[in-house]
Protein backbone atom coordinates (compact mmCIF):
# COMPACT_ATOMS: atom_id res chain seq x y z
CA UNK A 1 41.07 16.06 2.91
CA UNK A 2 39.89 12.60 3.98
CA UNK A 3 36.81 11.88 1.85
CA UNK A 4 35.61 9.20 4.28
CA UNK A 5 35.65 11.82 7.04
CA UNK A 6 33.57 14.11 4.81
CA UNK A 7 31.17 11.23 4.06
CA UNK A 8 30.84 10.53 7.81
CA UNK A 9 30.11 14.21 8.43
CA UNK A 10 27.37 14.26 5.77
CA UNK A 11 25.63 11.14 7.09
CA UNK A 12 25.85 12.34 10.70
CA UNK A 13 24.38 15.69 9.66
CA UNK A 14 21.51 14.01 7.79
CA UNK A 15 20.73 11.44 10.50
CA UNK A 16 21.38 13.56 13.60
CA UNK A 17 23.35 10.85 15.46
CA UNK A 18 26.88 9.49 15.13
CA UNK A 19 25.64 5.98 15.90
CA UNK A 20 23.10 6.02 13.07
CA UNK A 21 25.77 7.31 10.69
CA UNK A 22 28.13 4.56 11.84
CA UNK A 23 25.46 1.92 11.28
CA UNK A 24 24.86 3.08 7.71
CA UNK A 25 28.57 3.36 6.95
CA UNK A 26 29.37 -0.03 8.47
CA UNK A 27 31.87 1.29 11.02
CA UNK A 28 31.89 1.93 14.75
CA UNK A 29 30.61 5.09 16.38
CA UNK A 30 34.14 5.70 17.64
CA UNK A 31 35.42 5.63 14.06
CA UNK A 32 32.84 8.23 13.00
CA UNK A 33 33.73 10.43 16.00
CA UNK A 34 37.45 10.22 15.19
CA UNK A 35 36.89 11.04 11.53
CA UNK A 36 34.78 14.09 12.34
CA UNK A 37 37.20 15.24 15.04
CA UNK A 38 40.05 15.04 12.52
CA UNK A 39 37.98 16.96 9.99
CA UNK A 40 37.23 19.67 12.57
CA UNK A 41 40.95 19.98 13.34
CA UNK A 42 41.74 20.31 9.66
CA UNK A 43 39.04 22.93 9.11
CA UNK A 44 39.75 24.62 12.48
CA UNK A 45 36.04 24.89 13.29
CA UNK A 46 33.43 22.93 15.24
CA UNK A 47 30.94 21.22 12.98
CA UNK A 48 28.56 19.76 15.58
CA UNK A 49 27.18 20.44 19.02
CA UNK A 50 25.86 17.58 21.13
CA UNK A 51 22.24 17.55 22.34
CA UNK A 52 20.14 15.20 24.43
CA UNK A 53 18.82 13.64 21.21
CA UNK A 54 22.09 13.41 19.28
CA UNK A 55 24.03 16.09 17.43
CA UNK A 56 23.16 19.32 15.63
CA UNK A 57 25.13 21.33 13.11
CA UNK A 58 26.86 24.51 14.18
CA UNK A 59 26.65 27.52 11.89
CA UNK A 60 30.00 26.48 10.42
CA UNK A 61 28.65 22.95 9.96
CA UNK A 62 25.59 24.28 8.16
CA UNK A 63 27.81 26.33 5.85
CA UNK A 64 30.07 23.34 5.15
CA UNK A 65 27.30 20.78 4.53
CA UNK A 66 26.34 21.62 0.90
CA UNK A 67 30.01 21.65 -0.10
CA UNK A 68 30.58 18.37 1.73
CA UNK A 69 27.68 16.81 -0.15
CA UNK A 70 29.27 17.96 -3.42
CA UNK A 71 32.57 16.37 -2.41
CA UNK A 72 30.91 13.05 -1.60
CA UNK A 73 28.83 13.14 -4.79
CA UNK A 74 31.93 13.93 -6.84
CA UNK A 75 33.80 10.96 -5.39
CA UNK A 76 30.85 8.68 -6.06
CA UNK A 77 30.55 9.91 -9.64
CA UNK A 78 34.26 9.28 -10.14
CA UNK A 79 33.86 5.71 -8.89
CA UNK A 80 30.79 5.22 -11.04
CA UNK A 81 32.71 6.40 -14.10
CA UNK A 82 34.99 3.37 -13.87
CA UNK A 83 32.50 0.93 -12.31
CA UNK A 84 29.13 1.78 -13.91
CA UNK A 85 27.37 -1.27 -12.49
CA UNK A 86 28.15 -0.35 -8.89
CA UNK A 87 26.01 2.79 -8.57
CA UNK A 88 23.25 2.55 -5.97
CA UNK A 89 19.87 4.12 -6.62
CA UNK A 90 19.88 7.24 -4.43
CA UNK A 91 16.42 8.53 -3.50
CA UNK A 92 15.55 11.55 -1.37
CA UNK A 93 12.62 11.36 1.07
CA UNK A 94 11.11 14.08 3.24
CA UNK A 95 12.03 12.21 6.43
CA UNK A 96 12.97 8.73 7.56
CA UNK A 97 9.68 8.42 9.49
CA UNK A 98 7.56 9.65 6.60
CA UNK A 99 5.17 7.40 4.74
CA UNK A 100 7.41 7.69 1.68
CA UNK A 101 10.31 6.14 3.56
CA UNK A 102 8.11 3.44 5.13
CA UNK A 103 6.72 2.31 1.77
CA UNK A 104 10.19 2.46 0.23
CA UNK A 105 11.48 0.29 3.07
CA UNK A 106 8.65 -2.18 2.48
CA UNK A 107 9.69 -2.36 -1.17
CA UNK A 108 13.33 -2.98 -0.25
CA UNK A 109 12.36 -5.74 2.21
CA UNK A 110 10.58 -7.48 -0.66
CA UNK A 111 13.51 -6.82 -3.02
CA UNK A 112 16.65 -6.90 -0.83
CA UNK A 113 18.83 -7.29 -3.91
CA UNK A 114 18.07 -3.64 -4.77
CA UNK A 115 21.13 -1.44 -4.23
CA UNK A 116 19.37 1.48 -2.58
CA UNK A 117 20.66 4.61 -0.85
CA UNK A 118 17.94 6.60 0.94
CA UNK A 119 18.74 10.19 1.97
CA UNK A 120 16.90 13.29 3.12
CA UNK A 121 18.07 16.66 1.86
CA UNK A 122 16.69 18.59 4.86
CA UNK A 123 15.35 21.26 2.52
CA UNK A 124 11.82 22.63 2.53
CA UNK A 125 11.96 24.10 -0.98
CA UNK A 126 11.43 21.25 -3.51
CA UNK A 127 13.52 23.15 -6.05
CA UNK A 128 16.56 22.26 -3.94
CA UNK A 129 15.82 18.60 -4.68
CA UNK A 130 15.37 19.44 -8.37
CA UNK A 131 18.81 21.07 -8.41
CA UNK A 132 20.32 18.01 -6.71
CA UNK A 133 18.77 15.75 -9.37
CA UNK A 134 20.12 17.91 -12.18
CA UNK A 135 23.57 17.90 -10.55
CA UNK A 136 23.53 14.10 -10.30
CA UNK A 137 23.71 14.14 -6.50
CA UNK A 138 20.51 12.07 -6.27
CA UNK A 139 18.58 9.99 -8.79
CA UNK A 140 15.05 10.84 -7.64
CA UNK A 141 13.14 12.70 -4.94
CA UNK A 142 9.75 12.19 -3.30
CA UNK A 143 8.92 15.88 -3.48
CA UNK A 144 6.28 17.93 -5.24
CA UNK A 145 6.71 21.16 -7.16
CA UNK A 146 3.17 22.48 -6.93
CA UNK A 147 3.59 24.62 -10.04
CA UNK A 148 4.86 22.20 -12.72
CA UNK A 149 5.52 25.15 -15.04
CA UNK A 150 8.55 25.99 -12.90
CA UNK A 151 10.16 22.58 -13.49
CA UNK A 152 13.18 22.57 -15.81
CA UNK A 153 12.57 20.77 -19.10
CA UNK A 154 15.11 18.06 -18.29
CA UNK A 155 13.26 16.96 -15.14
CA UNK A 156 10.10 14.82 -14.91
CA UNK A 157 7.54 14.73 -12.07
CA UNK A 158 4.88 12.01 -11.78
CA UNK A 159 2.19 11.18 -9.26
CA UNK A 160 2.77 7.85 -7.47
CA UNK A 161 0.50 7.58 -4.42
CA UNK A 162 -1.80 9.44 -2.01
CA UNK A 163 -1.55 9.10 1.77
CA UNK A 164 -4.76 9.59 3.78
CA UNK A 165 -4.33 11.83 6.81
CA UNK A 166 -5.30 11.09 10.40
CA UNK A 167 -5.90 13.37 13.35
CA UNK A 168 -3.44 12.72 16.19
CA UNK A 169 -4.62 13.76 19.68
CA UNK A 170 -3.95 13.09 23.33
CA UNK A 171 -6.40 11.30 25.65
CA UNK A 172 -7.76 14.55 27.07
CA UNK A 173 -8.76 16.04 23.71
CA UNK A 174 -12.53 16.42 23.06
CA UNK A 175 -12.23 14.29 19.89
CA UNK A 176 -10.13 11.54 21.46
CA UNK A 177 -12.96 9.00 21.70
CA UNK A 178 -14.02 9.26 18.05
CA UNK A 179 -13.44 6.28 15.73
CA UNK A 180 -13.53 8.44 12.62
CA UNK A 181 -13.92 12.15 11.99
CA UNK A 182 -15.22 14.23 9.13
CA UNK A 183 -13.38 17.44 8.19
CA UNK A 184 -16.32 19.51 9.40
CA UNK A 185 -15.89 18.10 12.92
CA UNK A 186 -12.35 19.48 12.97
CA UNK A 187 -13.57 23.07 12.71
CA UNK A 188 -12.80 25.30 15.68
CA UNK A 189 -10.22 22.80 16.96
CA UNK A 190 -6.60 23.89 16.92
CA UNK A 191 -4.54 21.80 14.50
CA UNK A 192 -0.92 22.53 15.27
CA UNK A 193 1.72 22.00 12.57
CA UNK A 194 4.74 23.86 13.97
CA UNK A 195 7.33 25.35 11.69
CA UNK A 196 5.46 25.30 8.37
CA UNK A 197 8.19 26.39 5.97
CA UNK A 198 7.52 29.05 3.33
CA UNK A 199 7.78 27.81 -0.28
CA UNK A 200 7.31 24.22 0.86
CA UNK A 201 4.73 21.94 -0.73
CA UNK A 202 3.12 21.32 2.66
CA UNK A 203 2.68 25.07 3.27
CA UNK A 204 0.49 25.29 0.16
CA UNK A 205 -1.24 22.02 1.08
CA UNK A 206 -2.27 23.32 4.50
CA UNK A 207 -3.32 26.71 3.07
CA UNK A 208 -5.68 25.00 0.63
CA UNK A 209 -6.91 22.57 3.28
CA UNK A 210 -7.72 25.35 5.75
CA UNK A 211 -9.60 27.28 3.06
CA UNK A 212 -11.53 24.25 1.79
CA UNK A 213 -12.88 23.19 5.20
CA UNK A 214 -12.56 26.37 7.28
CA UNK A 215 -10.00 24.74 9.56
CA UNK A 216 -7.84 26.38 12.18
CA UNK A 217 -4.34 25.27 11.20
CA UNK A 218 -1.65 26.86 13.36
CA UNK A 219 1.90 26.86 12.02
CA UNK A 220 3.30 29.10 14.74
CA UNK A 221 6.35 28.30 16.79
CA UNK A 222 9.65 26.61 16.00
CA UNK A 223 9.73 22.96 15.03
CA UNK A 224 11.61 21.10 17.77
CA UNK A 225 11.01 17.74 16.13
CA UNK A 226 8.38 15.05 16.30
CA UNK A 227 9.23 13.99 19.87
CA UNK A 228 8.52 17.47 21.21
CA UNK A 229 5.25 17.57 19.28
CA UNK A 230 4.19 14.21 20.75
CA UNK A 231 5.07 15.48 24.23
CA UNK A 232 2.77 18.47 23.73
CA UNK A 233 -0.12 16.39 22.38
CA UNK A 234 0.06 14.00 25.33
CA UNK A 235 -0.21 16.87 27.81
CA UNK A 236 -2.77 19.00 25.97
CA UNK A 237 -6.57 18.91 26.00
CA UNK A 238 -6.97 21.25 23.03
CA UNK A 239 -4.08 20.68 20.60
CA UNK A 240 -4.20 18.20 17.70
CA UNK A 241 -2.12 17.61 14.59
CA UNK A 242 -2.45 15.79 11.27
CA UNK A 243 -0.22 12.87 10.31
CA UNK A 244 -0.02 10.56 7.33
CA UNK A 245 -1.62 7.14 7.73
CA UNK A 246 1.72 5.50 6.90
CA UNK A 247 3.96 7.80 8.95
CA UNK A 248 5.90 5.84 11.58
CA UNK A 249 5.40 7.47 14.98
CA UNK A 250 6.35 5.88 18.31
CA UNK A 251 5.58 7.27 21.75
CA UNK A 252 5.59 6.03 25.36
CA UNK A 253 2.57 3.90 26.27
CA UNK A 254 1.68 6.38 29.00
CA UNK A 255 0.99 9.06 26.38
CA UNK A 256 -2.10 7.15 25.13
CA UNK A 257 -2.20 9.14 21.89
CA UNK A 258 -4.98 8.39 19.38
CA UNK A 259 -4.73 8.25 15.55
CA UNK A 260 -8.20 8.93 14.12
CA UNK A 261 -8.93 8.55 10.36
CA UNK A 262 -10.53 11.53 8.62
CA UNK A 263 -13.31 10.45 6.25
CA UNK A 264 -16.19 11.76 4.10
CA UNK A 265 -14.13 13.09 2.46
CA UNK A 266 -10.78 11.51 3.19
CA UNK A 267 -8.10 14.18 3.33
CA UNK A 268 -5.16 12.94 1.27
CA UNK A 269 -1.60 14.16 0.87
CA UNK A 270 -0.38 13.51 -2.70
CA UNK A 271 3.03 11.95 -3.29
CA UNK A 272 5.07 12.73 -6.38
CA UNK A 273 8.42 11.46 -7.62
CA UNK A 274 10.86 13.74 -9.45
CA UNK A 275 13.66 12.30 -11.60
CA UNK A 276 15.67 13.10 -14.76
CA UNK A 277 13.61 13.13 -17.94
CA UNK A 278 16.29 11.34 -19.93
CA UNK A 279 18.37 8.34 -18.82
CA UNK A 280 16.80 7.89 -15.35
CA UNK A 281 18.22 5.20 -13.10
CA UNK A 282 16.96 1.79 -14.29
CA UNK A 283 15.94 0.82 -10.75
CA UNK A 284 13.20 3.47 -10.63
CA UNK A 285 10.71 1.61 -12.80
CA UNK A 286 10.09 -1.17 -10.27
CA UNK A 287 9.74 1.30 -7.38
CA UNK A 288 7.22 3.41 -9.28
CA UNK A 289 5.21 0.31 -10.15
CA UNK A 290 5.27 -0.78 -6.50
CA UNK A 291 4.00 2.57 -5.19
CA UNK A 292 1.25 2.66 -7.79
CA UNK A 293 0.16 -0.87 -6.96
CA UNK A 294 -0.89 0.13 -3.44
CA UNK A 295 -4.45 0.88 -2.38
CA UNK A 296 -6.10 3.87 -4.00
CA UNK A 297 -8.24 6.48 -2.29
CA UNK A 298 -12.03 6.22 -1.97
CA UNK A 299 -14.14 8.28 -4.34
CA UNK A 300 -14.92 10.74 -1.54
CA UNK A 301 -11.43 12.14 -1.14
CA UNK A 302 -10.06 15.67 -1.00
CA UNK A 303 -6.78 16.52 -2.73
CA UNK A 304 -5.14 19.91 -3.25
CA UNK A 305 -5.69 21.60 -6.60
CA UNK A 306 -2.30 20.72 -8.08
CA UNK A 307 -2.87 16.98 -7.51
CA UNK A 308 -6.41 16.48 -8.78
CA UNK A 309 -5.67 16.48 -12.51
CA UNK A 310 -2.44 14.51 -12.07
CA UNK A 311 -4.31 11.84 -10.12
CA UNK A 312 -6.79 11.40 -12.94
CA UNK A 313 -4.02 11.11 -15.52
CA UNK A 314 -1.36 9.26 -13.56
CA UNK A 315 -1.38 5.87 -15.27
CA UNK A 316 0.92 6.40 -18.26
CA UNK A 317 4.55 7.11 -17.48
CA UNK A 318 5.35 8.46 -20.89
CA UNK A 319 8.61 8.34 -22.82
CA UNK A 320 10.47 9.87 -19.92
CA UNK A 321 9.69 7.02 -17.57
CA UNK A 322 12.47 4.73 -16.47
């Protein structure tokens, strides 16, 4: 089996477009298409279906993906075994538009000599990322296990940053003209977060947030992606959503969407980094320091229960730190 074809499949699956995979792999889109076509012939199944926005995995593709990742990781570990100085720092983020990825990109722009490989595991359960760390598939993950007691003893999780949340609404929404909003002003308004995944950190975050401020958070409906959500917000006079202050969102000018900070208290989403307790990648230290150097939250801030104590005790990295 052609390992470069498998690598192309994995990157296309993670990025959702052959062109983006080609850009990251340093080849043409035609080369990626040919590699995946050859792989499909060898496996005698279709791995992707084309959509208006790119490509999506078939059921066979979804079944093959975890095994393909293992193949790619195995090849990379084999190369690392004979060239130990060539291993890139591989970090998992929740999404390439997430605040995690934006801050990480800012760090890399300031330190372009860093050999960095940014991936997203497309898994809602943070324990999937923990398993990938223990297997050596990734070096670290910007995920949070909300019950630290369930973390294996060979894995460390530390708090690195908090992202304030903003309300995102269309021009026809009753709150669209506000410069800032308090959580109490969000009551009775529908806050739509489609496709909240069970066992995810954000499911627990929104449960606690709704309870704390008596908010109407609606997780109903399938998640068709951020573009579909933006389409709905632009057309709606009663639907809003919450986004991180550093999330990168782009929409047509005609949508006239508004990002409104939530204050008094600021609602904050905590960011954690998970990595091996022993022998972590040496490149992690500088990234952790960079995240922690960024602006802190105001005193009047709300955080979920699992983050409050960690925030107060986040300064020391301990013996497990890189």
